[in-house]
């Protein structure tokens, strides 16, 4: 049964509807699906389930709105984003409760996500009025070179369930700022927050057709139908590397612009000279933020052998002191994982690792609670090549290995196809710079367990994707450059000095 008190929707935007062309409409055939509370396994509500017909209707709306939206003044686009930012913060408590309800994270973390999402709206509200170009004289002075930036065009935005407000905001904000129209496909586990965000954007003045919203349980079919249509010009995806590879292959057919923020396998390196207490604080943040369900979560703990015992003991002590429970309950530190599939996958990874010889220090068994809970878990003596070191855990499990030298740590850290983020703790400035330069990742948290910042370029290398979100480069992902050569030649434009070639 729907708990309407916890769903911050207006009367014109019931969660059962899709947003297409500025109107809330049912899915073709009236299809719906259930959204579940992962802390209780109980249904929250039912949501319209988009199909390929709905997808093409949404792209029709986006394509029809593109030229007029692109012609809108940067100042107007900026004001829409700033007003959305203000409304989001005014309704911070409602949005936080909704995030917790459908995703499971604690209310404290959900409130932090609202602030983080609002930061992207503010940042790109300011970037929208700073889109510039260049003007210069050609080498032979017979022309003027004008370079302008224009919106890419209609975009498909695909977002994951682990940050149901921040990920849509991180993609919608630069698209709006650049003058692009959008089709947003949120994850089926967490569509309610995206629907709530869409209502706020409309209230803030976003015109009909600029944002279209398609919750669906058939993401592959919906995405493929959109990407085959030549009117779509860009796809931005946050999710697994496996799905990213498929989308990149599909994008090649129409040579779409792509932004891919894919999987991670973050090393968390603690050198012998590190402040151990600070490193443990950072480990708790990097490992347990979002219940460990984050692409930037620390996945492999690499600790110098001289301090490994102290680090492990302190980490185990901190992990044991955390409380599992529904995110809405006071005193809860960690909520549930997103669903049964993810909970069972984490449990299987831990069981495999222990069977291969790892030592369990805390956690390691599913608690007797309703919902998809898994306890904070610490493993040491993790064997070389264990699956838990090669795959994203996406859960509250710290797998610790040791090293003896900086070179050994770097070899271990870089022994992965992924390259999204790494964490490094050391008090030696020279070591910090050398190792940061040699770590193969798009981001490094240096003596810090948290790297996300709207004003910084977020993204990875290798199989962790391409492109950047946020920072000064974030809006460039939604802009094309156009070069105009302006002839200014006259009869007098003859070289004063002969060309030596």
Protein backbone atom coordinates (compact mmCIF):
# COMPACT_ATOMS: atom_id res chain seq x y z
CA UNK A 1 0.00 0.00 0.00
CA UNK A 2 1.24 3.48 -0.83
CA UNK A 3 2.26 5.64 2.13
CA UNK A 4 1.24 9.00 0.66
CA UNK A 5 2.58 10.93 3.65
CA UNK A 6 6.12 10.09 2.55
CA UNK A 7 5.79 10.85 -1.15
CA UNK A 8 6.30 14.58 -1.91
CA UNK A 9 4.28 14.73 -5.12
CA UNK A 10 1.73 17.29 -6.12
CA UNK A 11 -1.74 16.36 -7.28
CA UNK A 12 -0.70 16.73 -10.94
CA UNK A 13 2.19 14.28 -10.70
CA UNK A 14 1.10 10.94 -9.26
CA UNK A 15 3.90 8.37 -9.23
CA UNK A 16 1.91 6.04 -11.46
CA UNK A 17 2.55 8.27 -14.52
CA UNK A 18 5.30 8.91 -17.07
CA UNK A 19 6.39 12.45 -17.94
CA UNK A 20 6.20 12.99 -21.70
CA UNK A 21 5.98 16.38 -23.37
CA UNK A 22 5.15 18.17 -20.13
CA UNK A 23 2.21 15.87 -19.29
CA UNK A 24 1.93 13.03 -16.79
CA UNK A 25 0.52 10.11 -18.76
CA UNK A 26 0.03 6.37 -18.18
CA UNK A 27 2.27 3.89 -19.92
CA UNK A 28 1.00 2.40 -23.14
CA UNK A 29 -1.36 -0.40 -22.17
CA UNK A 30 -1.47 0.81 -18.58
CA UNK A 31 1.52 -1.28 -17.46
CA UNK A 32 2.88 -0.66 -13.94
CA UNK A 33 5.44 -2.18 -11.59
CA UNK A 34 5.96 -2.23 -7.83
CA UNK A 35 8.58 -0.19 -5.99
CA UNK A 36 9.72 -1.92 -2.80
CA UNK A 37 11.11 -0.70 0.52
CA UNK A 38 14.37 -2.68 0.92
CA UNK A 39 14.26 -2.34 4.72
CA UNK A 40 10.94 -4.18 5.00
CA UNK A 41 10.50 -5.97 1.63
CA UNK A 42 7.07 -4.31 1.51
CA UNK A 43 5.64 -2.41 -1.49
CA UNK A 44 5.68 1.37 -1.43
CA UNK A 45 3.61 2.06 -4.53
CA UNK A 46 3.22 1.11 -8.17
CA UNK A 47 4.78 3.12 -11.01
CA UNK A 48 4.06 3.35 -14.73
CA UNK A 49 6.19 0.87 -16.68
CA UNK A 50 7.36 2.44 -19.96
CA UNK A 51 7.81 0.44 -23.15
CA UNK A 52 9.29 1.20 -26.54
CA UNK A 53 6.20 3.09 -27.72
CA UNK A 54 6.46 5.39 -24.71
CA UNK A 55 10.18 5.81 -25.34
CA UNK A 56 9.67 7.03 -28.89
CA UNK A 57 6.88 9.36 -27.73
CA UNK A 58 9.32 10.81 -25.19
CA UNK A 59 11.98 11.30 -27.87
CA UNK A 60 9.37 12.95 -30.11
CA UNK A 61 8.74 15.44 -27.31
CA UNK A 62 12.44 16.03 -26.68
CA UNK A 63 13.24 16.49 -30.37
CA UNK A 64 10.31 18.88 -30.84
CA UNK A 65 11.41 21.01 -27.89
CA UNK A 66 15.12 21.06 -28.75
CA UNK A 67 15.41 24.06 -31.06
CA UNK A 68 13.32 26.37 -28.89
CA UNK A 69 15.10 25.28 -25.72
CA UNK A 70 18.51 25.77 -27.32
CA UNK A 71 17.48 29.32 -28.25
CA UNK A 72 16.51 30.14 -24.65
CA UNK A 73 18.82 32.63 -22.99
CA UNK A 74 21.59 31.30 -20.72
CA UNK A 75 20.23 33.52 -17.98
CA UNK A 76 16.82 31.86 -18.17
CA UNK A 77 18.33 28.38 -18.02
CA UNK A 78 20.42 29.50 -15.06
CA UNK A 79 17.36 30.78 -13.20
CA UNK A 80 15.49 27.50 -13.73
CA UNK A 81 18.39 25.58 -12.19
CA UNK A 82 18.82 28.02 -9.33
CA UNK A 83 15.11 27.92 -8.52
CA UNK A 84 15.23 24.10 -8.58
CA UNK A 85 18.19 24.23 -6.20
CA UNK A 86 16.26 26.45 -3.80
CA UNK A 87 13.11 24.30 -3.90
CA UNK A 88 15.12 21.14 -3.36
CA UNK A 89 16.70 22.53 -0.21
CA UNK A 90 13.35 23.84 1.02
CA UNK A 91 12.03 20.26 0.76
CA UNK A 92 15.21 18.61 1.98
CA UNK A 93 13.46 16.58 4.68
CA UNK A 94 10.83 15.23 2.27
CA UNK A 95 13.38 14.25 -0.34
CA UNK A 96 15.65 12.64 2.24
CA UNK A 97 12.80 10.53 3.58
CA UNK A 98 11.84 9.47 0.06
CA UNK A 99 15.44 8.47 -0.77
CA UNK A 100 15.62 6.40 2.42
CA UNK A 101 12.24 4.83 1.74
CA UNK A 102 13.06 3.48 -1.71
CA UNK A 103 16.85 3.03 -1.53
CA UNK A 104 17.52 2.21 2.12
CA UNK A 105 20.33 4.53 3.19
CA UNK A 106 20.09 6.28 6.55
CA UNK A 107 18.33 9.62 6.82
CA UNK A 108 21.62 11.34 7.63
CA UNK A 109 23.15 10.06 4.39
CA UNK A 110 19.97 10.86 2.47
CA UNK A 111 20.09 14.46 3.70
CA UNK A 112 23.71 14.65 2.58
CA UNK A 113 22.67 13.37 -0.84
CA UNK A 114 20.05 16.13 -1.15
CA UNK A 115 22.75 18.71 -0.41
CA UNK A 116 25.13 17.06 -2.90
CA UNK A 117 22.46 17.01 -5.63
CA UNK A 118 21.60 20.63 -4.96
CA UNK A 119 25.28 21.48 -5.34
CA UNK A 120 25.21 20.29 -8.97
CA UNK A 121 22.16 22.42 -9.68
CA UNK A 122 23.89 25.46 -8.22
CA UNK A 123 27.18 24.77 -9.99
CA UNK A 124 25.64 24.40 -13.44
CA UNK A 125 23.30 27.32 -12.89
CA UNK A 126 26.50 29.35 -12.72
CA UNK A 127 28.16 27.50 -15.62
CA UNK A 128 25.24 28.12 -17.99
CA UNK A 129 26.03 31.84 -18.23
CA UNK A 130 29.75 31.15 -18.79
CA UNK A 131 29.53 29.15 -22.02
CA UNK A 132 32.02 30.93 -24.23
CA UNK A 133 33.83 30.67 -27.55
CA UNK A 134 36.95 32.04 -29.20
CA UNK A 135 37.88 34.62 -31.84
CA UNK A 136 41.23 34.95 -33.51
CA UNK A 137 42.97 36.05 -36.67
CA UNK A 138 43.97 33.27 -39.04
CA UNK A 139 47.65 32.60 -39.59
CA UNK A 140 47.72 34.40 -42.94
CA UNK A 141 45.38 37.19 -41.72
CA UNK A 142 42.90 36.55 -44.55
CA UNK A 143 40.18 35.21 -42.24
CA UNK A 144 38.80 35.43 -38.77
CA UNK A 145 38.34 32.19 -36.86
CA UNK A 146 35.15 32.10 -34.79
CA UNK A 147 34.51 29.09 -32.54
CA UNK A 148 31.16 28.80 -30.78
CA UNK A 149 29.64 26.16 -28.52
CA UNK A 150 26.16 24.81 -29.14
CA UNK A 151 24.05 22.16 -27.38
CA UNK A 152 24.58 18.58 -28.50
CA UNK A 153 20.85 17.96 -28.82
CA UNK A 154 18.46 15.40 -27.34
CA UNK A 155 20.14 13.21 -24.71
CA UNK A 156 19.37 9.89 -23.10
CA UNK A 157 20.29 9.92 -19.41
CA UNK A 158 20.46 6.54 -17.64
CA UNK A 159 20.93 6.64 -13.87
CA UNK A 160 21.56 3.98 -11.19
CA UNK A 161 19.66 3.20 -8.01
CA UNK A 162 22.41 3.91 -5.48
CA UNK A 163 22.06 7.71 -5.59
CA UNK A 164 18.50 8.28 -6.81
CA UNK A 165 18.65 12.07 -6.50
CA UNK A 166 22.32 12.94 -6.98
CA UNK A 167 22.83 10.95 -10.19
CA UNK A 168 19.84 12.43 -12.06
CA UNK A 169 20.79 15.91 -10.83
CA UNK A 170 24.40 15.42 -11.96
CA UNK A 171 23.22 14.70 -15.51
CA UNK A 172 20.14 16.92 -15.79
CA UNK A 173 21.87 20.07 -14.51
CA UNK A 174 24.58 20.32 -17.22
CA UNK A 175 22.12 19.28 -19.93
CA UNK A 176 19.73 22.07 -18.89
CA UNK A 177 22.60 24.55 -18.62
CA UNK A 178 23.86 23.67 -22.11
CA UNK A 179 20.42 23.84 -23.72
CA UNK A 180 19.83 20.13 -24.34
CA UNK A 181 16.52 18.29 -24.06
CA UNK A 182 16.46 14.94 -22.28
CA UNK A 183 14.90 11.54 -21.82
CA UNK A 184 15.70 10.29 -18.31
CA UNK A 185 15.52 6.58 -17.52
CA UNK A 186 15.95 6.03 -13.76
CA UNK A 187 16.67 2.63 -12.24
CA UNK A 188 13.50 0.58 -11.65
CA UNK A 189 14.43 0.09 -7.97
CA UNK A 190 14.34 3.86 -7.26
CA UNK A 191 12.12 5.82 -9.67
CA UNK A 192 10.18 7.81 -7.08
CA UNK A 193 12.95 10.32 -6.32
CA UNK A 194 13.41 11.05 -10.02
CA UNK A 195 9.69 11.67 -10.36
CA UNK A 196 9.82 14.05 -7.40
CA UNK A 197 12.81 15.87 -8.92
CA UNK A 198 10.96 16.23 -12.22
CA UNK A 199 8.00 17.87 -10.46
CA UNK A 200 10.34 20.39 -8.85
CA UNK A 201 12.03 21.21 -12.17
CA UNK A 202 8.63 21.83 -13.75
CA UNK A 203 7.63 24.02 -10.82
CA UNK A 204 10.88 25.95 -11.29
CA UNK A 205 9.91 26.76 -14.88
CA UNK A 206 11.40 24.00 -17.05
CA UNK A 207 9.37 24.04 -20.30
CA UNK A 208 7.34 21.09 -21.54
CA UNK A 209 9.33 18.48 -23.44
CA UNK A 210 12.75 19.51 -22.13
CA UNK A 211 12.76 16.68 -19.57
CA UNK A 212 10.90 13.43 -20.22
CA UNK A 213 10.87 10.64 -17.65
CA UNK A 214 10.57 6.91 -18.32
CA UNK A 215 10.61 4.46 -15.39
CA UNK A 216 10.75 0.97 -16.86
CA UNK A 217 11.42 -2.67 -16.09
CA UNK A 218 12.57 -3.18 -19.70
CA UNK A 219 15.65 -0.90 -19.74
CA UNK A 220 17.48 -2.73 -22.53
CA UNK A 221 14.56 -2.55 -24.98
CA UNK A 222 13.72 1.06 -24.10
CA UNK A 223 17.32 2.24 -24.42
CA UNK A 224 17.94 0.36 -27.66
CA UNK A 225 14.82 1.82 -29.28
CA UNK A 226 15.99 5.33 -28.41
CA UNK A 227 19.58 4.81 -29.51
CA UNK A 228 18.51 3.49 -32.91
CA UNK A 229 16.64 6.74 -33.59
CA UNK A 230 18.86 9.30 -35.39
CA UNK A 231 17.25 12.18 -33.50
CA UNK A 232 19.05 11.13 -30.32
CA UNK A 233 22.50 12.73 -30.18
CA UNK A 234 24.00 11.69 -26.85
CA UNK A 235 23.85 9.10 -24.11
CA UNK A 236 25.10 9.58 -20.55
CA UNK A 237 25.19 6.41 -18.48
CA UNK A 238 26.18 5.60 -14.91
CA UNK A 239 26.24 1.91 -14.10
CA UNK A 240 28.14 -1.31 -14.56
CA UNK A 241 30.97 -1.78 -17.04
CA UNK A 242 29.18 -4.77 -18.57
CA UNK A 243 26.14 -2.68 -19.48
CA UNK A 244 28.37 0.23 -20.50
CA UNK A 245 30.13 -1.94 -23.08
CA UNK A 246 26.78 -2.89 -24.63
CA UNK A 247 25.65 0.74 -24.74
CA UNK A 248 28.93 1.86 -26.32
CA UNK A 249 28.47 -0.74 -29.04
CA UNK A 250 24.91 0.41 -29.67
CA UNK A 251 25.99 4.06 -29.64
CA UNK A 252 28.43 3.41 -32.46
CA UNK A 253 25.60 2.79 -34.93
CA UNK A 254 24.53 6.44 -34.90
CA UNK A 255 27.91 7.77 -33.69
CA UNK A 256 26.38 9.16 -30.51
CA UNK A 257 28.31 11.32 -28.09
CA UNK A 258 28.86 9.23 -24.97
CA UNK A 259 29.60 9.88 -21.31
CA UNK A 260 30.24 6.67 -19.40
CA UNK A 261 30.75 6.48 -15.63
CA UNK A 262 31.21 2.75 -15.14
CA UNK A 263 32.37 0.30 -12.51
CA UNK A 264 35.18 0.71 -10.03
CA UNK A 265 37.51 -1.42 -7.94
CA UNK A 266 39.01 1.24 -5.71
CA UNK A 267 42.22 0.47 -3.84
CA UNK A 268 42.57 2.00 -0.37
CA UNK A 269 46.31 2.22 0.31
CA UNK A 270 47.61 2.80 3.83
CA UNK A 271 51.37 3.41 3.95
CA UNK A 272 53.57 2.67 6.97
CA UNK A 273 53.87 6.35 7.85
CA UNK A 274 50.12 7.03 7.71
CA UNK A 275 48.11 8.41 10.59
CA UNK A 276 46.33 5.13 11.39
CA UNK A 277 43.37 6.70 13.17
CA UNK A 278 42.80 9.10 10.28
CA UNK A 279 43.10 6.19 7.86
CA UNK A 280 40.46 4.24 9.76
CA UNK A 281 38.16 7.28 9.72
CA UNK A 282 38.69 7.52 5.97
CA UNK A 283 38.13 3.78 5.56
CA UNK A 284 34.76 3.98 7.30
CA UNK A 285 33.72 6.78 4.95
CA UNK A 286 35.12 5.25 1.79
CA UNK A 287 33.80 1.76 2.54
CA UNK A 288 30.47 2.32 4.26
CA UNK A 289 29.13 5.47 2.66
CA UNK A 290 25.93 4.46 0.88
CA UNK A 291 26.14 1.04 2.63
CA UNK A 292 29.11 0.28 0.41
CA UNK A 293 26.86 0.47 -2.65
CA UNK A 294 28.87 3.05 -4.57
CA UNK A 295 31.19 2.93 -7.56
CA UNK A 296 33.70 4.96 -5.54
CA UNK A 297 33.52 2.70 -2.48
CA UNK A 298 36.87 1.35 -1.29
CA UNK A 299 36.99 -2.19 -2.62
CA UNK A 300 40.53 -3.43 -1.87
CA UNK A 301 42.32 -2.44 1.33
CA UNK A 302 46.10 -2.52 0.84
CA UNK A 303 47.83 -1.91 4.17
CA UNK A 304 51.54 -1.87 4.93
CA UNK A 305 52.48 -5.00 6.85
CA UNK A 306 54.02 -3.00 9.71
CA UNK A 307 50.71 -1.38 10.65
CA UNK A 308 48.24 -3.95 9.32
CA UNK A 309 47.38 -5.40 12.72
CA UNK A 310 46.74 -2.00 14.30
CA UNK A 311 44.69 -0.83 11.33
CA UNK A 312 42.63 -4.02 11.29
CA UNK A 313 41.92 -3.96 15.02
CA UNK A 314 40.76 -0.36 14.92
CA UNK A 315 38.64 -0.95 11.81
CA UNK A 316 37.02 -4.05 13.31
CA UNK A 317 36.24 -2.14 16.51
CA UNK A 318 34.58 0.65 14.54
CA UNK A 319 32.65 -1.77 12.32
CA UNK A 320 31.31 -3.73 15.31
CA UNK A 321 29.94 -0.56 16.86
CA UNK A 322 27.63 0.23 13.94
CA UNK A 323 23.88 -0.35 14.10
CA UNK A 324 21.85 -1.94 11.31
CA UNK A 325 18.24 -0.93 10.81
CA UNK A 326 15.69 0.91 8.74
CA UNK A 327 17.12 4.23 7.66
CA UNK A 328 14.16 6.06 9.14
CA UNK A 329 14.80 4.71 12.64
CA UNK A 330 16.80 6.91 15.06
CA UNK A 331 20.27 5.58 15.77
CA UNK A 332 20.59 3.64 12.52
CA UNK A 333 24.09 3.72 11.03
CA UNK A 334 23.60 1.36 8.10
CA UNK A 335 20.46 0.48 6.20
CA UNK A 336 19.74 -2.51 3.96
CA UNK A 337 21.22 -3.36 0.61
CA UNK A 338 19.01 -2.58 -2.36
CA UNK A 339 17.46 -6.01 -2.97
CA UNK A 340 17.76 -9.75 -2.37
CA UNK A 341 19.95 -10.27 -5.42
CA UNK A 342 22.57 -7.82 -4.19
CA UNK A 343 22.44 -9.06 -0.59
CA UNK A 344 22.90 -12.67 -1.70
CA UNK A 345 25.75 -11.73 -4.04
CA UNK A 346 27.66 -10.02 -1.21
CA UNK A 347 27.09 -13.00 1.08
CA UNK A 348 28.37 -15.36 -1.61
CA UNK A 349 31.52 -13.28 -2.17
CA UNK A 350 32.29 -13.39 1.54
CA UNK A 351 31.62 -17.13 1.81
CA UNK A 352 33.87 -17.83 -1.19
CA UNK A 353 36.69 -15.74 0.23
CA UNK A 354 36.54 -17.45 3.61
CA UNK A 355 36.47 -20.86 1.92
CA UNK A 356 39.63 -19.85 0.03
CA UNK A 357 41.46 -19.20 3.29
CA UNK A 358 40.62 -15.63 4.35
CA UNK A 359 40.18 -14.85 8.06
CA UNK A 360 36.85 -13.39 9.20
CA UNK A 361 37.10 -10.77 11.99
CA UNK A 362 33.53 -9.48 12.19
CA UNK A 363 30.26 -9.82 10.32
CA UNK A 364 30.04 -12.43 7.61
CA UNK A 365 26.49 -13.73 8.16
CA UNK A 366 23.07 -12.46 7.22
CA UNK A 367 21.26 -11.04 10.28
CA UNK A 368 17.79 -12.13 11.34
CA UNK A 369 16.07 -8.94 10.25
CA UNK A 370 13.33 -8.16 7.76
CA UNK A 371 14.74 -6.55 4.66
CA UNK A 372 17.98 -7.02 2.76
CA UNK A 373 20.54 -6.38 5.49
CA UNK A 374 24.16 -7.47 5.58
CA UNK A 375 26.50 -6.61 8.48
CA UNK A 376 29.77 -4.66 8.29
CA UNK A 377 32.39 -7.32 7.59
CA UNK A 378 36.19 -7.39 7.78
CA UNK A 379 38.37 -10.05 6.14
CA UNK A 380 42.16 -10.44 6.25
CA UNK A 381 44.61 -12.86 4.64
CA UNK A 382 42.64 -12.51 1.42
CA UNK A 383 44.34 -14.75 -1.17
CA UNK A 384 45.79 -13.50 -4.45
CA UNK A 385 43.27 -13.57 -7.28
CA UNK A 386 40.20 -13.90 -5.04
CA UNK A 387 37.02 -12.83 -6.79
CA UNK A 388 36.35 -10.29 -4.03
CA UNK A 389 39.50 -8.41 -5.15
CA UNK A 390 38.55 -8.47 -8.84
CA UNK A 391 34.89 -7.48 -8.71
CA UNK A 392 32.99 -4.59 -7.19
CA UNK A 393 31.65 -5.74 -3.83
CA UNK A 394 28.87 -3.14 -3.56
CA UNK A 395 28.37 -3.93 0.08
CA UNK A 396 29.82 -3.26 3.57
CA UNK A 397 32.78 -5.65 3.29
CA UNK A 398 36.44 -4.66 3.79
CA UNK A 399 38.90 -7.16 2.32
CA UNK A 400 42.44 -6.45 3.59
CA UNK A 401 45.76 -7.44 2.02
CA UNK A 402 49.27 -6.32 2.97
CA UNK A 403 52.31 -4.95 1.13
CA UNK A 404 55.95 -4.19 1.96
CA UNK A 405 56.97 -1.42 -0.49
CA UNK A 406 55.48 1.45 -2.43
CA UNK A 407 56.16 -0.36 -5.69
CA UNK A 408 54.37 -3.46 -4.46
CA UNK A 409 51.38 -1.37 -3.38
CA UNK A 410 51.22 0.33 -6.76
CA UNK A 411 51.45 -2.97 -8.61
CA UNK A 412 48.60 -4.36 -6.53
CA UNK A 413 46.53 -1.19 -6.89
CA UNK A 414 46.90 -1.07 -10.67
CA UNK A 415 46.28 -4.79 -11.22
CA UNK A 416 42.70 -4.26 -12.37
CA UNK A 417 40.84 -3.32 -15.52
CA UNK A 418 39.12 -0.54 -13.58
CA UNK A 419 40.41 2.95 -12.88
CA UNK A 420 37.77 5.13 -11.28
CA UNK A 421 39.16 6.21 -7.90
CA UNK A 422 41.87 5.31 -5.41
CA UNK A 423 42.53 6.33 -1.82
CA UNK A 424 45.99 6.91 -0.38
CA UNK A 425 47.07 7.62 3.20
CA UNK A 426 50.61 8.83 3.92
CA UNK A 427 52.23 11.74 5.78
CA UNK A 428 55.14 11.96 3.33
CA UNK A 429 54.44 14.65 0.72
CA UNK A 430 56.91 13.27 -1.78
CA UNK A 431 55.46 9.76 -1.50
CA UNK A 432 51.94 11.19 -1.77
CA UNK A 433 52.71 12.96 -5.05
CA UNK A 434 54.73 10.11 -6.56
CA UNK A 435 52.15 7.48 -5.79
CA UNK A 436 49.20 9.68 -6.81
CA UNK A 437 50.85 10.22 -10.19
CA UNK A 438 51.46 6.49 -10.68
CA UNK A 439 48.07 5.20 -9.55
CA UNK A 440 45.95 4.39 -12.62
CA UNK A 441 42.67 6.08 -11.78
CA UNK A 442 40.72 9.17 -12.73
CA UNK A 443 40.50 10.39 -9.13
CA UNK A 444 42.59 10.03 -5.96
CA UNK A 445 41.49 10.70 -2.40
CA UNK A 446 44.71 11.74 -0.67
CA UNK A 447 44.34 11.41 3.12
CA UNK A 448 40.63 11.70 2.45
CA UNK A 449 37.90 9.05 2.16
CA UNK A 450 35.57 11.13 0.04
CA UNK A 451 36.17 12.68 -3.40
CA UNK A 452 32.74 13.73 -4.69
CA UNK A 453 32.45 17.48 -5.32
CA UNK A 454 30.19 19.30 -7.82
CA UNK A 455 33.09 21.61 -8.66
CA UNK A 456 35.49 18.77 -9.52
CA UNK A 457 35.67 16.52 -12.62
CA UNK A 458 34.20 13.13 -11.65
CA UNK A 459 35.12 10.16 -13.84
CA UNK A 460 37.51 7.35 -14.54
CA UNK A 461 39.91 5.75 -16.99
CA UNK A 462 40.42 2.24 -18.38
CA UNK A 463 37.22 0.19 -18.06
CA UNK A 464 35.73 2.68 -15.62
CA UNK A 465 34.53 4.81 -18.50
CA UNK A 466 35.18 8.07 -20.26
CA UNK A 467 34.07 11.68 -19.91
CA UNK A 468 33.68 13.77 -16.79
CA UNK A 469 30.72 14.99 -14.75
CA UNK A 470 30.96 18.13 -12.65
CA UNK A 471 33.72 20.69 -12.57
CA UNK A 472 34.63 23.06 -15.35
CA UNK A 473 34.62 20.23 -17.89
CA UNK A 474 31.20 18.87 -16.96
CA UNK A 475 29.20 21.13 -19.25
CA UNK A 476 31.51 20.39 -22.19
CA UNK A 477 30.01 16.89 -22.35
CA UNK A 478 26.77 18.51 -23.54
CA UNK A 479 28.24 21.01 -25.99
CA UNK A 480 29.55 20.76 -29.55
CA UNK A 481 32.12 23.14 -31.03
CA UNK A 482 31.32 24.89 -34.31
CA UNK A 483 34.06 26.65 -36.24
CA UNK A 484 33.18 29.48 -38.63
CA UNK A 485 35.84 30.77 -41.03
CA UNK A 486 35.06 34.40 -41.90
CA UNK A 487 36.77 35.67 -45.04
CA UNK A 488 38.36 39.10 -44.47
CA UNK A 489 40.89 39.01 -47.31
CA UNK A 490 41.65 42.04 -49.52
CA UNK A 491 43.94 42.65 -52.48
CA UNK A 492 46.49 44.04 -50.06
CA UNK A 493 46.71 40.74 -48.20
CA UNK A 494 49.96 39.56 -49.76
CA UNK A 495 52.80 38.33 -47.59
CA UNK A 496 55.44 41.00 -46.92
CA UNK A 497 58.08 38.29 -46.64
CA UNK A 498 58.20 35.36 -49.05
CA UNK A 499 57.32 32.02 -47.58
CA UNK A 500 60.67 30.26 -47.03
CA UNK A 501 59.14 26.89 -47.86
